[in-house]
Amino acid sequence: MPELTARNVGPSGIEIAYECFGDPGSPPVLLIMGAGAQMINWPEEFCQALVDRGLHVIRFDTRDAGRSTHFPDAPVPDFAAALAGDLSTASYTLSDLAADAVGLLDALGVTGAHLVGSSMGGMIAQMIAIEYPERVRSLTSMMSTTGERGVGEADFSLFAELGAPPQDREAFVEWQVRALRLAASPGFAFDAVAAAERAGRVFDRGYDALGIQRQGLAVVATGDRTERLRSLRVPALVVHAAADLVCDVSGGRATAAAVPGADLLILEGMGHGLPRELWPELTGRIGEFIHRAETVTA
């Protein structure tokens, strides 16, 4: 299916760019990407592998990313103030991002979906499960955390020399490849050609440096979800990378410990990304989990 746009989505009435793959009659899977990432960061082949496992896949751009609505007139995020308790520059929270996603499901006529969220997308998926449990058939939280301080934190020292993303396309692509290489999986070869191709597409579709900051501040403004996660009663799979430098593996362990009955899968050699070599295992485990959850939630 070609890329489409849903209009007047959710309580905020925004536009959401999305794509669907596979048979609409198959169990629906909503893929949710992380901060600053776009729906194309779920590779087409990865989506097709899920389709081949009997699933209907929906991927989309969150607000402030890609071709969905951006908020250029919002306050410039002040992280230092936010961490000190002043959230006045936060334009929205994870609850708003969750409402956007549920609004997209409404627009598509999907009453309940299996959620697969990566990084901040995992946090959005968690929030949907917390605030809209009747819309969730299962929860897969990947490379994510609970919001509790001290777990799932990034090793920012490795990214200190990157600097701000350039505004020029060619320079941005080079910058993005360097950033992705730093976060990549040490156990697998880094595909610089594929990374550069996708970085170019990201730039062309609407890269927004301040949008990433607004999304990041939404995470801070939402706070710790641990106690609310303990209330979930939904089949849950937590996937994390043993070598994740952007979201430490402690975040995955904390998520699995908080969600009752959650399965925990930790993948050796994997960093903060989706290395091609692991697509068969990842899509296989996710597909198997979702079909098992279908028998529980049917």
C-alpha atoms as a PDB file:
ATOM      1  CA  MET A   1       0.000   0.000   0.000  1.00  0.00           C
ATOM      2  CA  PRO A   2       1.344   3.520  -0.788  1.00  0.00           C
ATOM      3  CA  GLU A   3       1.987   6.061   1.940  1.00  0.00           C
ATOM      4  CA  LEU A   4      -1.254   7.695   3.078  1.00  0.00           C
ATOM      5  CA  THR A   5      -2.261  10.500   5.438  1.00  0.00           C
ATOM      6  CA  ALA A   6      -4.962  10.294   8.113  1.00  0.00           C
ATOM      7  CA  ARG A   7      -6.398  13.717   8.969  1.00  0.00           C
ATOM      8  CA  ASN A   8      -7.969  15.117  12.131  1.00  0.00           C
ATOM      9  CA  VAL A   9      -6.469  12.282  14.173  1.00  0.00           C
ATOM     10  CA  GLY A  10      -7.066  11.935  17.897  1.00  0.00           C
ATOM     11  CA  PRO A  11      -7.881  14.649  20.437  1.00  0.00           C
ATOM     12  CA  SER A  12      -5.241  16.970  18.931  1.00  0.00           C
ATOM     13  CA  GLY A  13      -6.724  16.713  15.422  1.00  0.00           C
ATOM     14  CA  ILE A  14      -3.337  16.240  13.770  1.00  0.00           C
ATOM     15  CA  GLU A  15      -2.245  14.584  10.524  1.00  0.00           C
ATOM     16  CA  ILE A  16      -0.515  11.202  10.651  1.00  0.00           C
ATOM     17  CA  ALA A  17       1.406   9.688   7.729  1.00  0.00           C
ATOM     18  CA  TYR A  18       1.170   5.904   7.626  1.00  0.00           C
ATOM     19  CA  GLU A  19       1.547   2.755   5.536  1.00  0.00           C
ATOM     20  CA  CYS A  20      -0.044  -0.683   5.776  1.00  0.00           C
ATOM     21  CA  PHE A  21       1.354  -4.051   4.697  1.00  0.00           C
ATOM     22  CA  GLY A  22      -0.407  -7.369   4.277  1.00  0.00           C
ATOM     23  CA  ASP A  23      -3.942  -8.677   4.577  1.00  0.00           C
ATOM     24  CA  PRO A  24      -6.233  -6.389   6.632  1.00  0.00           C
ATOM     25  CA  GLY A  25      -7.974  -9.546   7.828  1.00  0.00           C
ATOM     26  CA  SER A  26      -4.829 -10.751   9.611  1.00  0.00           C
ATOM     27  CA  PRO A  27      -4.032  -9.761  13.219  1.00  0.00           C
ATOM     28  CA  PRO A  28      -3.119  -6.030  13.157  1.00  0.00           C
ATOM     29  CA  VAL A  29       0.311  -4.936  14.377  1.00  0.00           C
ATOM     30  CA  LEU A  30       1.062  -1.268  15.060  1.00  0.00           C
ATOM     31  CA  LEU A  31       4.787  -0.511  14.780  1.00  0.00           C
ATOM     32  CA  ILE A  32       5.877   2.556  16.790  1.00  0.00           C
ATOM     33  CA  MET A  33       9.350   4.048  16.294  1.00  0.00           C
ATOM     34  CA  GLY A  34      11.518   6.015  18.696  1.00  0.00           C
ATOM     35  CA  ALA A  35      12.415   9.675  19.221  1.00  0.00           C
ATOM     36  CA  GLY A  36      13.273  11.436  15.970  1.00  0.00           C
ATOM     37  CA  ALA A  37      12.826   8.242  14.003  1.00  0.00           C
ATOM     38  CA  GLN A  38      10.347   7.881  11.175  1.00  0.00           C
ATOM     39  CA  MET A  39       8.229   4.975  10.041  1.00  0.00           C
ATOM     40  CA  ILE A  40      10.862   4.127   7.412  1.00  0.00           C
ATOM     41  CA  ASN A  41      13.186   3.205  10.287  1.00  0.00           C
ATOM     42  CA  TRP A  42      11.086   0.028  10.352  1.00  0.00           C
ATOM     43  CA  PRO A  43      12.679  -1.428   7.182  1.00  0.00           C
ATOM     44  CA  GLU A  44      10.280  -2.573   4.473  1.00  0.00           C
ATOM     45  CA  GLU A  45      11.803  -6.060   4.514  1.00  0.00           C
ATOM     46  CA  PHE A  46      11.288  -6.253   8.280  1.00  0.00           C
ATOM     47  CA  CYS A  47       7.630  -5.329   7.810  1.00  0.00           C
ATOM     48  CA  GLN A  48       7.275  -7.896   5.019  1.00  0.00           C
ATOM     49  CA  ALA A  49       8.796 -10.589   7.218  1.00  0.00           C
ATOM     50  CA  LEU A  50       6.022  -9.932   9.758  1.00  0.00           C
ATOM     51  CA  VAL A  51       3.454 -10.094   6.943  1.00  0.00           C
ATOM     52  CA  ASP A  52       4.936 -13.440   5.896  1.00  0.00           C
ATOM     53  CA  ARG A  53       4.183 -14.609   9.433  1.00  0.00           C
ATOM     54  CA  GLY A  54       0.497 -13.912   8.948  1.00  0.00           C
ATOM     55  CA  LEU A  55       0.242 -10.368  10.311  1.00  0.00           C
ATOM     56  CA  HIS A  56      -1.194  -7.064   9.066  1.00  0.00           C
ATOM     57  CA  VAL A  57       1.424  -4.367   9.675  1.00  0.00           C
ATOM     58  CA  ILE A  58       0.851  -0.643  10.175  1.00  0.00           C
ATOM     59  CA  ARG A  59       3.765   1.764  10.499  1.00  0.00           C
ATOM     60  CA  PHE A  60       3.482   5.531  10.934  1.00  0.00           C
ATOM     61  CA  ASP A  61       5.284   8.791  11.631  1.00  0.00           C
ATOM     62  CA  THR A  62       4.708  10.085  15.152  1.00  0.00           C
ATOM     63  CA  ARG A  63       3.967  13.784  15.607  1.00  0.00           C
ATOM     64  CA  ASP A  64       7.040  15.960  15.041  1.00  0.00           C
ATOM     65  CA  ALA A  65       8.594  13.329  12.764  1.00  0.00           C
ATOM     66  CA  GLY A  66       8.545  12.713   9.026  1.00  0.00           C
ATOM     67  CA  ARG A  67       5.365  13.722   7.241  1.00  0.00           C
ATOM     68  CA  SER A  68       3.074  13.860  10.271  1.00  0.00           C
ATOM     69  CA  THR A  69       2.186  17.185  11.939  1.00  0.00           C
ATOM     70  CA  HIS A  70       5.083  19.206  13.342  1.00  0.00           C
ATOM     71  CA  PHE A  71       4.904  21.912  16.016  1.00  0.00           C
ATOM     72  CA  PRO A  72       7.448  24.572  14.970  1.00  0.00           C
ATOM     73  CA  ASP A  73       5.820  27.305  17.078  1.00  0.00           C
ATOM     74  CA  ALA A  74       6.114  25.333  20.322  1.00  0.00           C
ATOM     75  CA  PRO A  75       8.548  26.468  23.065  1.00  0.00           C
ATOM     76  CA  VAL A  76      12.186  25.488  22.650  1.00  0.00           C
ATOM     77  CA  PRO A  77      12.690  22.544  25.046  1.00  0.00           C
ATOM     78  CA  ASP A  78      14.697  23.273  28.186  1.00  0.00           C
ATOM     79  CA  PHE A  79      15.901  19.930  29.513  1.00  0.00           C
ATOM     80  CA  ALA A  80      17.859  21.369  32.446  1.00  0.00           C
ATOM     81  CA  ALA A  81      14.755  23.135  33.720  1.00  0.00           C
ATOM     82  CA  ALA A  82      12.600  20.059  33.120  1.00  0.00           C
ATOM     83  CA  LEU A  83      14.932  17.802  35.086  1.00  0.00           C
ATOM     84  CA  ALA A  84      14.732  20.359  37.913  1.00  0.00           C
ATOM     85  CA  GLY A  85      10.945  20.149  37.863  1.00  0.00           C
ATOM     86  CA  ASP A  86       9.982  23.019  35.544  1.00  0.00           C
ATOM     87  CA  LEU A  87       8.023  21.432  32.677  1.00  0.00           C
ATOM     88  CA  SER A  88       6.820  24.700  31.150  1.00  0.00           C
ATOM     89  CA  THR A  89       8.643  24.060  27.857  1.00  0.00           C
ATOM     90  CA  ALA A  90       7.161  20.576  27.393  1.00  0.00           C
ATOM     91  CA  SER A  91       4.710  20.781  24.483  1.00  0.00           C
ATOM     92  CA  TYR A  92       3.152  17.376  25.167  1.00  0.00           C
ATOM     93  CA  THR A  93       3.677  14.090  27.024  1.00  0.00           C
ATOM     94  CA  LEU A  94       3.712  10.406  26.133  1.00  0.00           C
ATOM     95  CA  SER A  95      -0.030  10.397  26.847  1.00  0.00           C
ATOM     96  CA  ASP A  96      -0.533  12.715  23.876  1.00  0.00           C
ATOM     97  CA  LEU A  97       1.576  10.478  21.657  1.00  0.00           C
ATOM     98  CA  ALA A  98      -0.430   7.481  22.855  1.00  0.00           C
ATOM     99  CA  ALA A  99      -3.681   9.298  22.027  1.00  0.00           C
ATOM    100  CA  ASP A 100      -2.325  10.032  18.535  1.00  0.00           C
ATOM    101  CA  ALA A 101      -1.655   6.333  17.950  1.00  0.00           C
ATOM    102  CA  VAL A 102      -5.089   5.301  19.200  1.00  0.00           C
ATOM    103  CA  GLY A 103      -6.571   8.018  16.989  1.00  0.00           C
ATOM    104  CA  LEU A 104      -4.838   6.452  13.994  1.00  0.00           C
ATOM    105  CA  LEU A 105      -6.338   3.068  14.913  1.00  0.00           C
ATOM    106  CA  ASP A 106      -9.733   4.788  15.029  1.00  0.00           C
ATOM    107  CA  ALA A 107      -9.164   6.289  11.582  1.00  0.00           C
ATOM    108  CA  LEU A 108      -8.293   2.849  10.231  1.00  0.00           C
ATOM    109  CA  GLY A 109     -11.240   1.142  11.915  1.00  0.00           C
ATOM    110  CA  VAL A 110      -8.961  -1.052  14.054  1.00  0.00           C
ATOM    111  CA  THR A 111     -10.590  -1.762  17.410  1.00  0.00           C
ATOM    112  CA  GLY A 112      -7.613  -3.577  18.924  1.00  0.00           C
ATOM    113  CA  ALA A 113      -3.995  -4.046  17.850  1.00  0.00           C
ATOM    114  CA  HIS A 114      -0.788  -5.752  18.836  1.00  0.00           C
ATOM    115  CA  LEU A 115       1.695  -3.000  19.749  1.00  0.00           C
ATOM    116  CA  VAL A 116       5.380  -3.240  18.869  1.00  0.00           C
ATOM    117  CA  GLY A 117       7.339  -0.201  20.038  1.00  0.00           C
ATOM    118  CA  SER A 118      11.061   0.487  19.812  1.00  0.00           C
ATOM    119  CA  SER A 119      12.947   2.850  22.159  1.00  0.00           C
ATOM    120  CA  MET A 120      10.618   5.833  22.785  1.00  0.00           C
ATOM    121  CA  GLY A 121       8.110   3.887  20.692  1.00  0.00           C
ATOM    122  CA  GLY A 122       8.197   1.231  23.396  1.00  0.00           C
ATOM    123  CA  MET A 123       7.325   3.913  25.940  1.00  0.00           C
ATOM    124  CA  ILE A 124       4.402   5.060  23.778  1.00  0.00           C
ATOM    125  CA  ALA A 125       3.238   1.444  23.474  1.00  0.00           C
ATOM    126  CA  GLN A 126       3.449   1.073  27.259  1.00  0.00           C
ATOM    127  CA  MET A 127       1.360   4.221  27.698  1.00  0.00           C
ATOM    128  CA  ILE A 128      -1.278   2.975  25.251  1.00  0.00           C
ATOM    129  CA  ALA A 129      -1.494  -0.278  27.218  1.00  0.00           C
ATOM    130  CA  ILE A 130      -1.822   1.696  30.474  1.00  0.00           C
ATOM    131  CA  GLU A 131      -4.380   4.244  29.298  1.00  0.00           C
ATOM    132  CA  TYR A 132      -6.265   2.304  26.589  1.00  0.00           C
ATOM    133  CA  PRO A 133      -6.069  -1.344  27.722  1.00  0.00           C
ATOM    134  CA  GLU A 134      -9.210  -2.269  25.784  1.00  0.00           C
ATOM    135  CA  ARG A 135      -7.393  -1.401  22.513  1.00  0.00           C
ATOM    136  CA  VAL A 136      -4.363  -3.602  23.142  1.00  0.00           C
ATOM    137  CA  ARG A 137      -4.143  -7.282  22.194  1.00  0.00           C
ATOM    138  CA  SER A 138      -0.484  -7.571  23.182  1.00  0.00           C
ATOM    139  CA  LEU A 139       2.509  -5.407  24.023  1.00  0.00           C
ATOM    140  CA  THR A 140       6.041  -5.804  22.672  1.00  0.00           C
ATOM    141  CA  SER A 141       8.442  -3.274  24.205  1.00  0.00           C
ATOM    142  CA  MET A 142      11.840  -3.200  22.476  1.00  0.00           C
ATOM    143  CA  MET A 143      15.025  -1.388  23.547  1.00  0.00           C
ATOM    144  CA  SER A 144      12.948   0.692  25.959  1.00  0.00           C
ATOM    145  CA  THR A 145      12.522   1.413  29.660  1.00  0.00           C
ATOM    146  CA  THR A 146      10.065   2.385  32.390  1.00  0.00           C
ATOM    147  CA  GLY A 147      10.961   6.035  32.958  1.00  0.00           C
ATOM    148  CA  GLU A 148      12.512   5.257  36.339  1.00  0.00           C
ATOM    149  CA  ARG A 149      15.676   7.248  36.855  1.00  0.00           C
ATOM    150  CA  GLY A 150      18.786   5.138  37.095  1.00  0.00           C
ATOM    151  CA  VAL A 151      17.677   2.397  34.698  1.00  0.00           C
ATOM    152  CA  GLY A 152      17.774   2.331  30.909  1.00  0.00           C
ATOM    153  CA  GLU A 153      20.050   5.357  30.763  1.00  0.00           C
ATOM    154  CA  ALA A 154      22.211   6.257  27.767  1.00  0.00           C
ATOM    155  CA  ASP A 155      25.990   6.506  27.698  1.00  0.00           C
ATOM    156  CA  PHE A 156      25.997  10.023  26.254  1.00  0.00           C
ATOM    157  CA  SER A 157      29.771  10.343  26.483  1.00  0.00           C
ATOM    158  CA  LEU A 158      30.101   8.284  23.317  1.00  0.00           C
ATOM    159  CA  PHE A 159      28.026  10.806  21.356  1.00  0.00           C
ATOM    160  CA  ALA A 160      29.581  13.989  22.799  1.00  0.00           C
ATOM    161  CA  GLU A 161      31.758  14.697  19.764  1.00  0.00           C
ATOM    162  CA  LEU A 162      28.947  14.389  17.224  1.00  0.00           C
ATOM    163  CA  GLY A 163      27.667  17.916  17.709  1.00  0.00           C
ATOM    164  CA  ALA A 164      24.346  19.186  16.427  1.00  0.00           C
ATOM    165  CA  PRO A 165      22.895  17.695  13.242  1.00  0.00           C
ATOM    166  CA  PRO A 166      23.806  19.769  10.157  1.00  0.00           C
ATOM    167  CA  GLN A 167      21.141  21.453   8.025  1.00  0.00           C
ATOM    168  CA  ASP A 168      22.803  20.516   4.717  1.00  0.00           C
ATOM    169  CA  ARG A 169      21.577  17.189   3.300  1.00  0.00           C
ATOM    170  CA  GLU A 170      24.987  15.685   2.479  1.00  0.00           C
ATOM    171  CA  ALA A 171      26.472  16.713   5.812  1.00  0.00           C
ATOM    172  CA  PHE A 172      23.388  15.432   7.645  1.00  0.00           C
ATOM    173  CA  VAL A 173      23.676  12.018   6.003  1.00  0.00           C
ATOM    174  CA  GLU A 174      27.330  11.769   7.054  1.00  0.00           C
ATOM    175  CA  TRP A 175      26.428  12.882  10.597  1.00  0.00           C
ATOM    176  CA  GLN A 176      23.575  10.371  10.830  1.00  0.00           C
ATOM    177  CA  VAL A 177      25.767   7.494   9.655  1.00  0.00           C
ATOM    178  CA  ARG A 178      28.370   8.363  12.313  1.00  0.00           C
ATOM    179  CA  ALA A 179      25.660   8.480  14.982  1.00  0.00           C
ATOM    180  CA  LEU A 180      24.154   5.179  13.895  1.00  0.00           C
ATOM    181  CA  ARG A 181      27.586   3.549  13.795  1.00  0.00           C
ATOM    182  CA  LEU A 182      28.209   4.572  17.414  1.00  0.00           C
ATOM    183  CA  ALA A 183      24.892   3.012  18.501  1.00  0.00           C
ATOM    184  CA  ALA A 184      25.181  -0.031  16.233  1.00  0.00           C
ATOM    185  CA  SER A 185      25.375  -3.678  17.181  1.00  0.00           C
ATOM    186  CA  PRO A 186      28.973  -4.730  17.950  1.00  0.00           C
ATOM    187  CA  GLY A 187      28.195  -8.354  17.173  1.00  0.00           C
ATOM    188  CA  PHE A 188      27.155  -7.643  13.590  1.00  0.00           C
ATOM    189  CA  ALA A 189      28.549  -5.796  10.587  1.00  0.00           C
ATOM    190  CA  PHE A 190      27.439  -2.176  10.250  1.00  0.00           C
ATOM    191  CA  ASP A 191      25.842  -1.533   6.840  1.00  0.00           C
ATOM    192  CA  ALA A 192      26.985   2.025   6.122  1.00  0.00           C
ATOM    193  CA  VAL A 193      25.454   2.020   2.630  1.00  0.00           C
ATOM    194  CA  ALA A 194      21.990   1.121   3.921  1.00  0.00           C
ATOM    195  CA  ALA A 195      22.365   3.605   6.787  1.00  0.00           C
ATOM    196  CA  ALA A 196      23.259   6.420   4.379  1.00  0.00           C
ATOM    197  CA  GLU A 197      20.367   5.581   2.053  1.00  0.00           C
ATOM    198  CA  ARG A 198      17.867   5.642   4.900  1.00  0.00           C
ATOM    199  CA  ALA A 199      19.397   8.832   6.357  1.00  0.00           C
ATOM    200  CA  GLY A 200      18.842  10.556   3.020  1.00  0.00           C
ATOM    201  CA  ARG A 201      15.224   9.453   2.996  1.00  0.00           C
ATOM    202  CA  VAL A 202      14.802  10.667   6.585  1.00  0.00           C
ATOM    203  CA  PHE A 203      16.150  14.098   5.622  1.00  0.00           C
ATOM    204  CA  ASP A 204      13.921  14.315   2.558  1.00  0.00           C
ATOM    205  CA  ARG A 205      10.775  13.264   4.440  1.00  0.00           C
ATOM    206  CA  GLY A 206      11.063  15.972   7.087  1.00  0.00           C
ATOM    207  CA  TYR A 207      13.891  15.734   9.597  1.00  0.00           C
ATOM    208  CA  ASP A 208      13.191  18.027  12.566  1.00  0.00           C
ATOM    209  CA  ALA A 209      15.981  18.506  15.130  1.00  0.00           C
ATOM    210  CA  LEU A 210      13.753  20.463  17.518  1.00  0.00           C
ATOM    211  CA  GLY A 211      11.011  17.888  17.006  1.00  0.00           C
ATOM    212  CA  ILE A 212      13.347  15.250  18.427  1.00  0.00           C
ATOM    213  CA  GLN A 213      13.925  17.473  21.456  1.00  0.00           C
ATOM    214  CA  ARG A 214      10.187  17.994  21.927  1.00  0.00           C
ATOM    215  CA  GLN A 215       9.689  14.232  21.841  1.00  0.00           C
ATOM    216  CA  GLY A 216      12.541  13.692  24.272  1.00  0.00           C
ATOM    217  CA  LEU A 217      11.099  16.250  26.657  1.00  0.00           C
ATOM    218  CA  ALA A 218       7.754  14.420  26.479  1.00  0.00           C
ATOM    219  CA  VAL A 219       9.534  11.410  27.977  1.00  0.00           C
ATOM    220  CA  VAL A 220      10.931  13.517  30.827  1.00  0.00           C
ATOM    221  CA  ALA A 221       7.557  15.184  31.426  1.00  0.00           C
ATOM    222  CA  THR A 222       5.803  11.817  31.685  1.00  0.00           C
ATOM    223  CA  GLY A 223       8.030  10.459  34.421  1.00  0.00           C
ATOM    224  CA  ASP A 224       8.183   6.982  35.911  1.00  0.00           C
ATOM    225  CA  ARG A 225       5.573   4.480  34.657  1.00  0.00           C
ATOM    226  CA  THR A 226       6.665   1.555  36.845  1.00  0.00           C
ATOM    227  CA  GLU A 227       3.669   1.399  39.178  1.00  0.00           C
ATOM    228  CA  ARG A 228       1.209   1.853  36.324  1.00  0.00           C
ATOM    229  CA  LEU A 229       2.926  -0.930  34.384  1.00  0.00           C
ATOM    230  CA  ARG A 230       2.318  -3.259  37.330  1.00  0.00           C
ATOM    231  CA  SER A 231      -1.423  -2.888  36.686  1.00  0.00           C
ATOM    232  CA  LEU A 232      -1.265  -4.255  33.128  1.00  0.00           C
ATOM    233  CA  ARG A 233      -3.046  -7.471  32.305  1.00  0.00           C
ATOM    234  CA  VAL A 234      -1.958  -7.999  28.731  1.00  0.00           C
ATOM    235  CA  PRO A 235       0.392 -10.499  27.072  1.00  0.00           C
ATOM    236  CA  ALA A 236       3.780  -8.792  27.017  1.00  0.00           C
ATOM    237  CA  LEU A 237       7.152  -9.416  25.412  1.00  0.00           C
ATOM    238  CA  VAL A 238      10.183  -7.313  26.332  1.00  0.00           C
ATOM    239  CA  VAL A 239      13.091  -7.360  23.880  1.00  0.00           C
ATOM    240  CA  HIS A 240      16.393  -5.713  24.665  1.00  0.00           C
ATOM    241  CA  ALA A 241      19.935  -5.632  23.349  1.00  0.00           C
ATOM    242  CA  ALA A 242      22.751  -6.707  25.610  1.00  0.00           C
ATOM    243  CA  ALA A 243      25.053  -4.066  24.076  1.00  0.00           C
ATOM    244  CA  ASP A 244      22.585  -1.159  23.928  1.00  0.00           C
ATOM    245  CA  LEU A 245      24.388   2.136  24.650  1.00  0.00           C
ATOM    246  CA  VAL A 246      21.361   4.366  24.040  1.00  0.00           C
ATOM    247  CA  CYS A 247      19.037   2.541  26.443  1.00  0.00           C
ATOM    248  CA  ASP A 248      20.941   0.352  28.868  1.00  0.00           C
ATOM    249  CA  VAL A 249      19.747  -3.238  29.201  1.00  0.00           C
ATOM    250  CA  SER A 250      18.666  -2.446  32.765  1.00  0.00           C
ATOM    251  CA  GLY A 251      15.702  -0.655  31.172  1.00  0.00           C
ATOM    252  CA  GLY A 252      14.495  -3.856  29.561  1.00  0.00           C
ATOM    253  CA  ARG A 253      14.972  -5.829  32.742  1.00  0.00           C
ATOM    254  CA  ALA A 254      13.022  -3.211  34.711  1.00  0.00           C
ATOM    255  CA  THR A 255      10.199  -3.246  32.156  1.00  0.00           C
ATOM    256  CA  ALA A 256       9.917  -7.023  32.252  1.00  0.00           C
ATOM    257  CA  ALA A 257       9.959  -6.979  36.049  1.00  0.00           C
ATOM    258  CA  ALA A 258       7.183  -4.364  36.162  1.00  0.00           C
ATOM    259  CA  VAL A 259       4.737  -5.925  33.682  1.00  0.00           C
ATOM    260  CA  PRO A 260       3.084  -9.018  35.191  1.00  0.00           C
ATOM    261  CA  GLY A 261       3.918 -12.197  33.285  1.00  0.00           C
ATOM    262  CA  ALA A 262       6.101 -10.484  30.702  1.00  0.00           C
ATOM    263  CA  ASP A 263       8.553 -12.576  28.692  1.00  0.00           C
ATOM    264  CA  LEU A 264      12.091 -11.178  28.468  1.00  0.00           C
ATOM    265  CA  LEU A 265      14.339 -11.703  25.453  1.00  0.00           C
ATOM    266  CA  ILE A 266      17.878 -10.293  25.614  1.00  0.00           C
ATOM    267  CA  LEU A 267      19.873 -10.541  22.399  1.00  0.00           C
ATOM    268  CA  GLU A 268      23.651 -10.775  22.586  1.00  0.00           C
ATOM    269  CA  GLY A 269      25.711  -8.661  20.201  1.00  0.00           C
ATOM    270  CA  MET A 270      22.796  -6.332  19.468  1.00  0.00           C
ATOM    271  CA  GLY A 271      22.950  -2.563  20.022  1.00  0.00           C
ATOM    272  CA  HIS A 272      20.318   0.147  19.643  1.00  0.00           C
ATOM    273  CA  GLY A 273      19.051  -0.815  16.216  1.00  0.00           C
ATOM    274  CA  LEU A 274      17.748  -3.607  14.026  1.00  0.00           C
ATOM    275  CA  PRO A 275      20.694  -5.455  12.451  1.00  0.00           C
ATOM    276  CA  ARG A 276      19.621  -7.331   9.335  1.00  0.00           C
ATOM    277  CA  GLU A 277      21.106 -10.583  10.606  1.00  0.00           C
ATOM    278  CA  LEU A 278      18.616 -10.593  13.485  1.00  0.00           C
ATOM    279  CA  TRP A 279      15.483  -9.868  11.425  1.00  0.00           C
ATOM    280  CA  PRO A 280      14.570 -13.562  11.074  1.00  0.00           C
ATOM    281  CA  GLU A 281      14.892 -14.143  14.834  1.00  0.00           C
ATOM    282  CA  LEU A 282      13.163 -10.903  15.804  1.00  0.00           C
ATOM    283  CA  THR A 283      10.237 -11.241  13.405  1.00  0.00           C
ATOM    284  CA  GLY A 284       9.968 -14.941  14.211  1.00  0.00           C
ATOM    285  CA  ARG A 285       9.825 -14.375  17.958  1.00  0.00           C
ATOM    286  CA  ILE A 286       7.445 -11.424  17.633  1.00  0.00           C
ATOM    287  CA  GLY A 287       5.205 -13.303  15.212  1.00  0.00           C
ATOM    288  CA  GLU A 288       5.101 -16.397  17.412  1.00  0.00           C
ATOM    289  CA  PHE A 289       4.342 -14.269  20.475  1.00  0.00           C
ATOM    290  CA  ILE A 290       1.526 -12.381  18.723  1.00  0.00           C
ATOM    291  CA  HIS A 291      -0.152 -15.535  17.429  1.00  0.00           C
ATOM    292  CA  ARG A 292       0.063 -17.025  20.913  1.00  0.00           C
ATOM    293  CA  ALA A 293      -1.439 -13.832  22.334  1.00  0.00           C
ATOM    294  CA  GLU A 294      -4.268 -14.064  19.802  1.00  0.00           C
ATOM    295  CA  THR A 295      -5.413 -17.278  21.435  1.00  0.00           C
ATOM    296  CA  VAL A 296      -5.419 -15.534  24.821  1.00  0.00           C
ATOM    297  CA  THR A 297      -7.192 -12.320  23.823  1.00  0.00           C
ATOM    298  CA  ALA A 298      -9.595 -13.765  21.225  1.00  0.00           C
END
